[in-house]
């Protein structure tokens, strides 16, 4: 029997994201340059790019954790960085490292948010937590502590914790990092399945090509803080943009390795 959240199906409540002329600067370092994105309600949207391209900074902007230097981000028509948006839109962020509290059991990690925000009685919170654990096939993990979990289980617990919030927008920061190929495939399946079960809008920051090409409705490539391409996965099977082609299909040249090209004479 498929577990269902109290808020599902909530297709009419699903939200989109609009990023308009967004720039983010730290001192003299401009990390994001005039970024424009339209993420449609209910879709899986992947943001790809090399390390240091500004992907995580963009995710923080969408989550409202930071204010832009210029431009704006809107979630369901509301300014992402406005604290009042939290009362209007249910948003959850799955951190790259999981960000679980080591001193709390898996159950208490999941129950922490609804308890702090008084989202129901203890019995109602238990129902939320047990549903989330069941969806992620973690029914027997509630009494365990993070130190007792494998890397893959920690990722699943982090997603389950996000589901307890019954989000309309779910953000993932490198969900398959540090996972073996089989567990990476499992996490990919989880993201796709959750969208089908809950109609949640999913934004996935990743450099995992298999994940993005398997489940993305659309994807964007962020290079040096600029959007270099947006489209469906099929649009990038043979990308015309050289930097995207090199990112997706890098050529290994042992006679002229990349790290040699990055050397600086003054160092």
Protein backbone atom coordinates (compact mmCIF):
# COMPACT_ATOMS: atom_id res chain seq x y z
CA UNK A 1 0.00 0.00 0.00
CA UNK A 2 1.51 3.30 -1.11
CA UNK A 3 2.07 5.82 1.66
CA UNK A 4 0.53 9.21 1.00
CA UNK A 5 1.08 12.54 2.67
CA UNK A 6 -1.83 14.56 3.98
CA UNK A 7 -0.98 17.22 1.40
CA UNK A 8 -1.05 14.92 -1.64
CA UNK A 9 -1.97 15.08 -4.31
CA UNK A 10 -1.36 18.82 -4.25
CA UNK A 11 -0.69 19.55 -7.91
CA UNK A 12 -2.71 22.77 -7.64
CA UNK A 13 -0.44 23.89 -4.80
CA UNK A 14 2.80 23.01 -6.55
CA UNK A 15 5.01 26.06 -7.06
CA UNK A 16 7.43 27.23 -9.71
CA UNK A 17 10.60 29.30 -9.38
CA UNK A 18 11.54 32.42 -11.32
CA UNK A 19 15.12 33.70 -11.27
CA UNK A 20 15.40 37.16 -12.84
CA UNK A 21 18.68 38.94 -13.62
CA UNK A 22 20.24 37.43 -10.50
CA UNK A 23 23.78 38.41 -9.55
CA UNK A 24 25.66 37.57 -6.36
CA UNK A 25 28.92 39.17 -5.37
CA UNK A 26 31.20 38.59 -2.37
CA UNK A 27 33.53 41.54 -2.08
CA UNK A 28 35.09 41.83 -5.54
CA UNK A 29 34.32 38.24 -6.45
CA UNK A 30 31.22 38.00 -8.67
CA UNK A 31 29.93 34.43 -8.37
CA UNK A 32 26.67 34.72 -10.31
CA UNK A 33 26.27 36.94 -13.38
CA UNK A 34 22.78 37.98 -14.53
CA UNK A 35 21.23 34.51 -14.15
CA UNK A 36 17.75 33.98 -15.58
CA UNK A 37 15.75 30.76 -15.06
CA UNK A 38 12.12 29.70 -15.18
CA UNK A 39 11.49 26.44 -13.27
CA UNK A 40 8.00 25.13 -13.94
CA UNK A 41 5.68 23.81 -11.22
CA UNK A 42 6.03 20.07 -10.76
CA UNK A 43 9.10 19.50 -12.91
CA UNK A 44 12.50 18.07 -12.08
CA UNK A 45 15.01 20.74 -13.02
CA UNK A 46 18.73 19.93 -12.87
CA UNK A 47 21.44 22.57 -12.59
CA UNK A 48 24.74 21.22 -13.85
CA UNK A 49 28.24 22.61 -14.04
CA UNK A 50 31.80 22.09 -12.86
CA UNK A 51 32.99 22.65 -9.30
CA UNK A 52 33.23 26.35 -8.45
CA UNK A 53 30.74 27.41 -11.10
CA UNK A 54 28.29 28.88 -8.56
CA UNK A 55 25.75 26.02 -8.43
CA UNK A 56 25.51 25.86 -4.62
CA UNK A 57 25.33 29.65 -4.38
CA UNK A 58 22.43 29.62 -6.83
CA UNK A 59 20.70 26.95 -4.75
CA UNK A 60 21.10 29.08 -1.62
CA UNK A 61 19.51 31.99 -3.48
CA UNK A 62 16.54 29.84 -4.48
CA UNK A 63 16.24 28.59 -0.89
CA UNK A 64 16.25 32.18 0.37
CA UNK A 65 19.29 31.57 2.55
CA UNK A 66 21.06 34.56 1.03
CA UNK A 67 19.90 37.82 -0.54
CA UNK A 68 21.03 38.65 -4.08
CA UNK A 69 23.37 41.50 -4.86
CA UNK A 70 20.97 42.39 -7.67
CA UNK A 71 17.99 40.78 -9.34
CA UNK A 72 15.49 38.56 -7.57
CA UNK A 73 14.27 35.02 -7.01
CA UNK A 74 10.55 34.28 -6.62
CA UNK A 75 8.94 31.05 -5.42
CA UNK A 76 5.29 30.79 -6.34
CA UNK A 77 5.28 34.55 -6.89
CA UNK A 78 6.84 35.38 -3.50
CA UNK A 79 10.36 36.77 -2.94
CA UNK A 80 12.55 33.85 -1.86
CA UNK A 81 14.63 35.90 0.59
CA UNK A 82 11.54 37.35 2.33
CA UNK A 83 11.11 35.59 5.72
CA UNK A 84 7.33 35.69 5.25
CA UNK A 85 7.67 33.39 2.24
CA UNK A 86 8.38 30.52 4.65
CA UNK A 87 4.81 30.85 5.93
CA UNK A 88 3.40 30.77 2.39
CA UNK A 89 5.49 28.09 0.69
CA UNK A 90 6.73 24.79 2.10
CA UNK A 91 10.33 24.44 1.00
CA UNK A 92 12.89 21.82 2.00
CA UNK A 93 16.61 21.55 1.28
CA UNK A 94 18.53 18.28 1.21
CA UNK A 95 22.12 19.20 2.05
CA UNK A 96 25.06 17.54 0.31
CA UNK A 97 26.45 16.06 3.54
CA UNK A 98 23.03 15.27 4.99
CA UNK A 99 23.46 17.68 7.95
CA UNK A 100 21.97 15.19 10.40
CA UNK A 101 22.29 15.81 14.13
CA UNK A 102 24.63 13.10 15.42
CA UNK A 103 23.25 13.29 18.97
CA UNK A 104 19.69 12.51 17.80
CA UNK A 105 18.24 9.25 16.58
CA UNK A 106 16.93 9.02 13.03
CA UNK A 107 13.38 9.36 14.36
CA UNK A 108 14.21 12.47 16.39
CA UNK A 109 16.09 14.01 13.45
CA UNK A 110 12.89 13.75 11.43
CA UNK A 111 10.61 14.85 14.27
CA UNK A 112 12.69 17.92 15.16
CA UNK A 113 11.15 20.35 12.65
CA UNK A 114 7.47 19.53 13.26
CA UNK A 115 8.08 19.56 17.03
CA UNK A 116 9.78 22.97 16.97
CA UNK A 117 7.05 24.43 14.76
CA UNK A 118 4.24 22.69 16.65
CA UNK A 119 2.80 21.12 13.51
CA UNK A 120 0.66 18.68 15.44
CA UNK A 121 0.40 16.42 18.43
CA UNK A 122 3.13 13.88 19.13
CA UNK A 123 0.90 11.20 17.61
CA UNK A 124 0.42 13.27 14.44
CA UNK A 125 4.15 13.92 14.23
CA UNK A 126 4.81 10.20 14.60
CA UNK A 127 2.48 9.57 11.66
CA UNK A 128 4.40 12.09 9.54
CA UNK A 129 7.76 10.60 10.48
CA UNK A 130 6.70 7.00 9.94
CA UNK A 131 5.22 7.82 6.53
CA UNK A 132 8.43 9.51 5.41
CA UNK A 133 10.55 6.62 6.66
CA UNK A 134 8.28 4.12 4.91
CA UNK A 135 8.52 5.93 1.57
CA UNK A 136 12.33 5.78 1.76
CA UNK A 137 12.30 2.12 2.92
CA UNK A 138 13.76 3.14 6.29
CA UNK A 139 11.08 1.67 8.52
CA UNK A 140 13.59 -0.13 10.74
CA UNK A 141 16.05 2.75 11.06
CA UNK A 142 14.15 5.05 13.41
CA UNK A 143 16.07 4.09 16.56
CA UNK A 144 19.49 4.21 14.92
CA UNK A 145 21.89 7.13 15.16
CA UNK A 146 23.67 8.74 12.19
CA UNK A 147 26.98 7.13 13.20
CA UNK A 148 25.38 3.73 12.63
CA UNK A 149 24.27 4.50 9.08
CA UNK A 150 26.01 3.98 5.75
CA UNK A 151 26.52 6.93 3.43
CA UNK A 152 23.56 5.91 1.31
CA UNK A 153 21.29 5.56 4.33
CA UNK A 154 22.30 9.01 5.57
CA UNK A 155 21.26 10.45 2.21
CA UNK A 156 17.91 8.68 2.40
CA UNK A 157 17.34 9.88 5.97
CA UNK A 158 18.11 13.45 4.88
CA UNK A 159 15.49 13.15 2.13
CA UNK A 160 13.00 11.60 4.56
CA UNK A 161 13.55 14.52 6.93
CA UNK A 162 12.73 16.91 4.09
CA UNK A 163 9.56 14.95 3.27
CA UNK A 164 8.26 15.35 6.82
CA UNK A 165 7.73 19.01 5.91
CA UNK A 166 5.43 17.94 3.03
CA UNK A 167 7.28 20.36 0.71
CA UNK A 168 5.99 22.00 -2.41
CA UNK A 169 9.57 22.74 -3.48
CA UNK A 170 12.39 20.29 -2.78
CA UNK A 171 16.00 21.33 -3.34
CA UNK A 172 18.87 18.83 -3.60
CA UNK A 173 22.54 19.80 -3.31
CA UNK A 174 24.72 17.13 -5.02
CA UNK A 175 22.55 14.23 -3.80
CA UNK A 176 24.78 11.49 -5.28
CA UNK A 177 28.15 12.84 -4.16
CA UNK A 178 30.38 10.29 -2.39
CA UNK A 179 28.06 7.41 -3.34
CA UNK A 180 28.92 4.30 -5.33
CA UNK A 181 27.22 3.79 -8.73
CA UNK A 182 24.50 1.50 -7.40
CA UNK A 183 23.50 3.84 -4.58
CA UNK A 184 23.69 6.80 -6.96
CA UNK A 185 21.20 5.01 -9.21
CA UNK A 186 19.01 4.35 -6.16
CA UNK A 187 18.98 8.03 -5.18
CA UNK A 188 18.16 8.95 -8.77
CA UNK A 189 15.17 6.61 -8.67
CA UNK A 190 14.08 8.08 -5.33
CA UNK A 191 14.04 11.65 -6.67
CA UNK A 192 11.96 10.62 -9.67
CA UNK A 193 9.56 8.51 -7.60
CA UNK A 194 8.97 11.29 -5.06
CA UNK A 195 7.97 13.68 -7.81
CA UNK A 196 5.45 11.13 -9.10
CA UNK A 197 4.03 10.50 -5.61
CA UNK A 198 3.86 14.06 -4.32
CA UNK A 199 3.88 16.36 -7.39
CA UNK A 200 6.71 18.27 -5.70
CA UNK A 201 8.81 20.65 -7.78
CA UNK A 202 12.41 19.39 -7.58
CA UNK A 203 15.57 21.40 -8.21
CA UNK A 204 18.69 19.26 -8.31
CA UNK A 205 22.20 20.72 -8.28
CA UNK A 206 24.51 18.03 -9.58
CA UNK A 207 27.49 17.12 -11.73
CA UNK A 208 26.17 13.57 -12.09
CA UNK A 209 25.43 13.13 -15.81
CA UNK A 210 23.57 9.85 -15.35
CA UNK A 211 21.23 11.39 -12.77
CA UNK A 212 20.46 14.47 -14.85
CA UNK A 213 19.93 12.70 -18.16
CA UNK A 214 17.79 10.01 -16.52
CA UNK A 215 15.24 12.12 -14.66
CA UNK A 216 15.46 15.81 -15.61
CA UNK A 217 12.53 17.36 -17.43
CA UNK A 218 14.88 20.21 -18.23
CA UNK A 219 18.40 21.20 -17.26
CA UNK A 220 20.60 24.27 -17.16
CA UNK A 221 24.37 24.49 -17.42
CA UNK A 222 26.08 27.01 -15.16
CA UNK A 223 29.65 27.88 -16.17
CA UNK A 224 31.68 30.51 -14.31
CA UNK A 225 28.51 31.96 -12.85
CA UNK A 226 26.69 32.27 -16.19
CA UNK A 227 23.95 30.17 -17.76
CA UNK A 228 25.38 28.65 -20.93
CA UNK A 229 22.44 26.50 -21.96
CA UNK A 230 18.90 25.49 -20.94
CA UNK A 231 16.85 22.69 -22.45
CA UNK A 232 15.66 19.12 -22.29
CA UNK A 233 18.19 16.31 -21.83
CA UNK A 234 17.88 15.35 -25.50
CA UNK A 235 19.02 18.83 -26.49
CA UNK A 236 22.44 18.13 -24.97
CA UNK A 237 23.18 14.66 -26.36
CA UNK A 238 25.47 16.36 -28.86
CA UNK A 239 25.85 19.90 -27.44
CA UNK A 240 26.87 22.64 -29.83
CA UNK A 241 28.37 24.78 -27.04
CA UNK A 242 32.06 23.68 -26.69
CA UNK A 243 32.23 24.27 -22.92
CA UNK A 244 29.15 22.10 -22.36
CA UNK A 245 30.48 19.40 -24.66
CA UNK A 246 33.81 19.40 -22.82
CA UNK A 247 32.04 19.18 -19.45
CA UNK A 248 29.80 16.29 -20.44
CA UNK A 249 32.36 14.37 -22.48
CA UNK A 250 35.87 15.38 -21.38
CA UNK A 251 38.69 13.91 -23.42
CA UNK A 252 41.50 12.37 -21.38
CA UNK A 253 44.85 13.42 -22.85
CA UNK A 254 47.75 11.84 -20.97
CA UNK A 255 50.30 13.68 -23.13
CA UNK A 256 48.83 17.09 -22.37
CA UNK A 257 46.95 16.70 -19.06
CA UNK A 258 44.63 19.41 -17.81
CA UNK A 259 46.44 19.97 -14.53
CA UNK A 260 49.55 20.96 -16.49
CA UNK A 261 47.51 23.52 -18.40
CA UNK A 262 46.36 25.02 -15.09
CA UNK A 263 49.85 25.69 -13.80
CA UNK A 264 50.77 29.32 -13.16
CA UNK A 265 54.39 30.42 -13.61
CA UNK A 266 54.31 32.70 -10.55
CA UNK A 267 53.35 29.86 -8.17
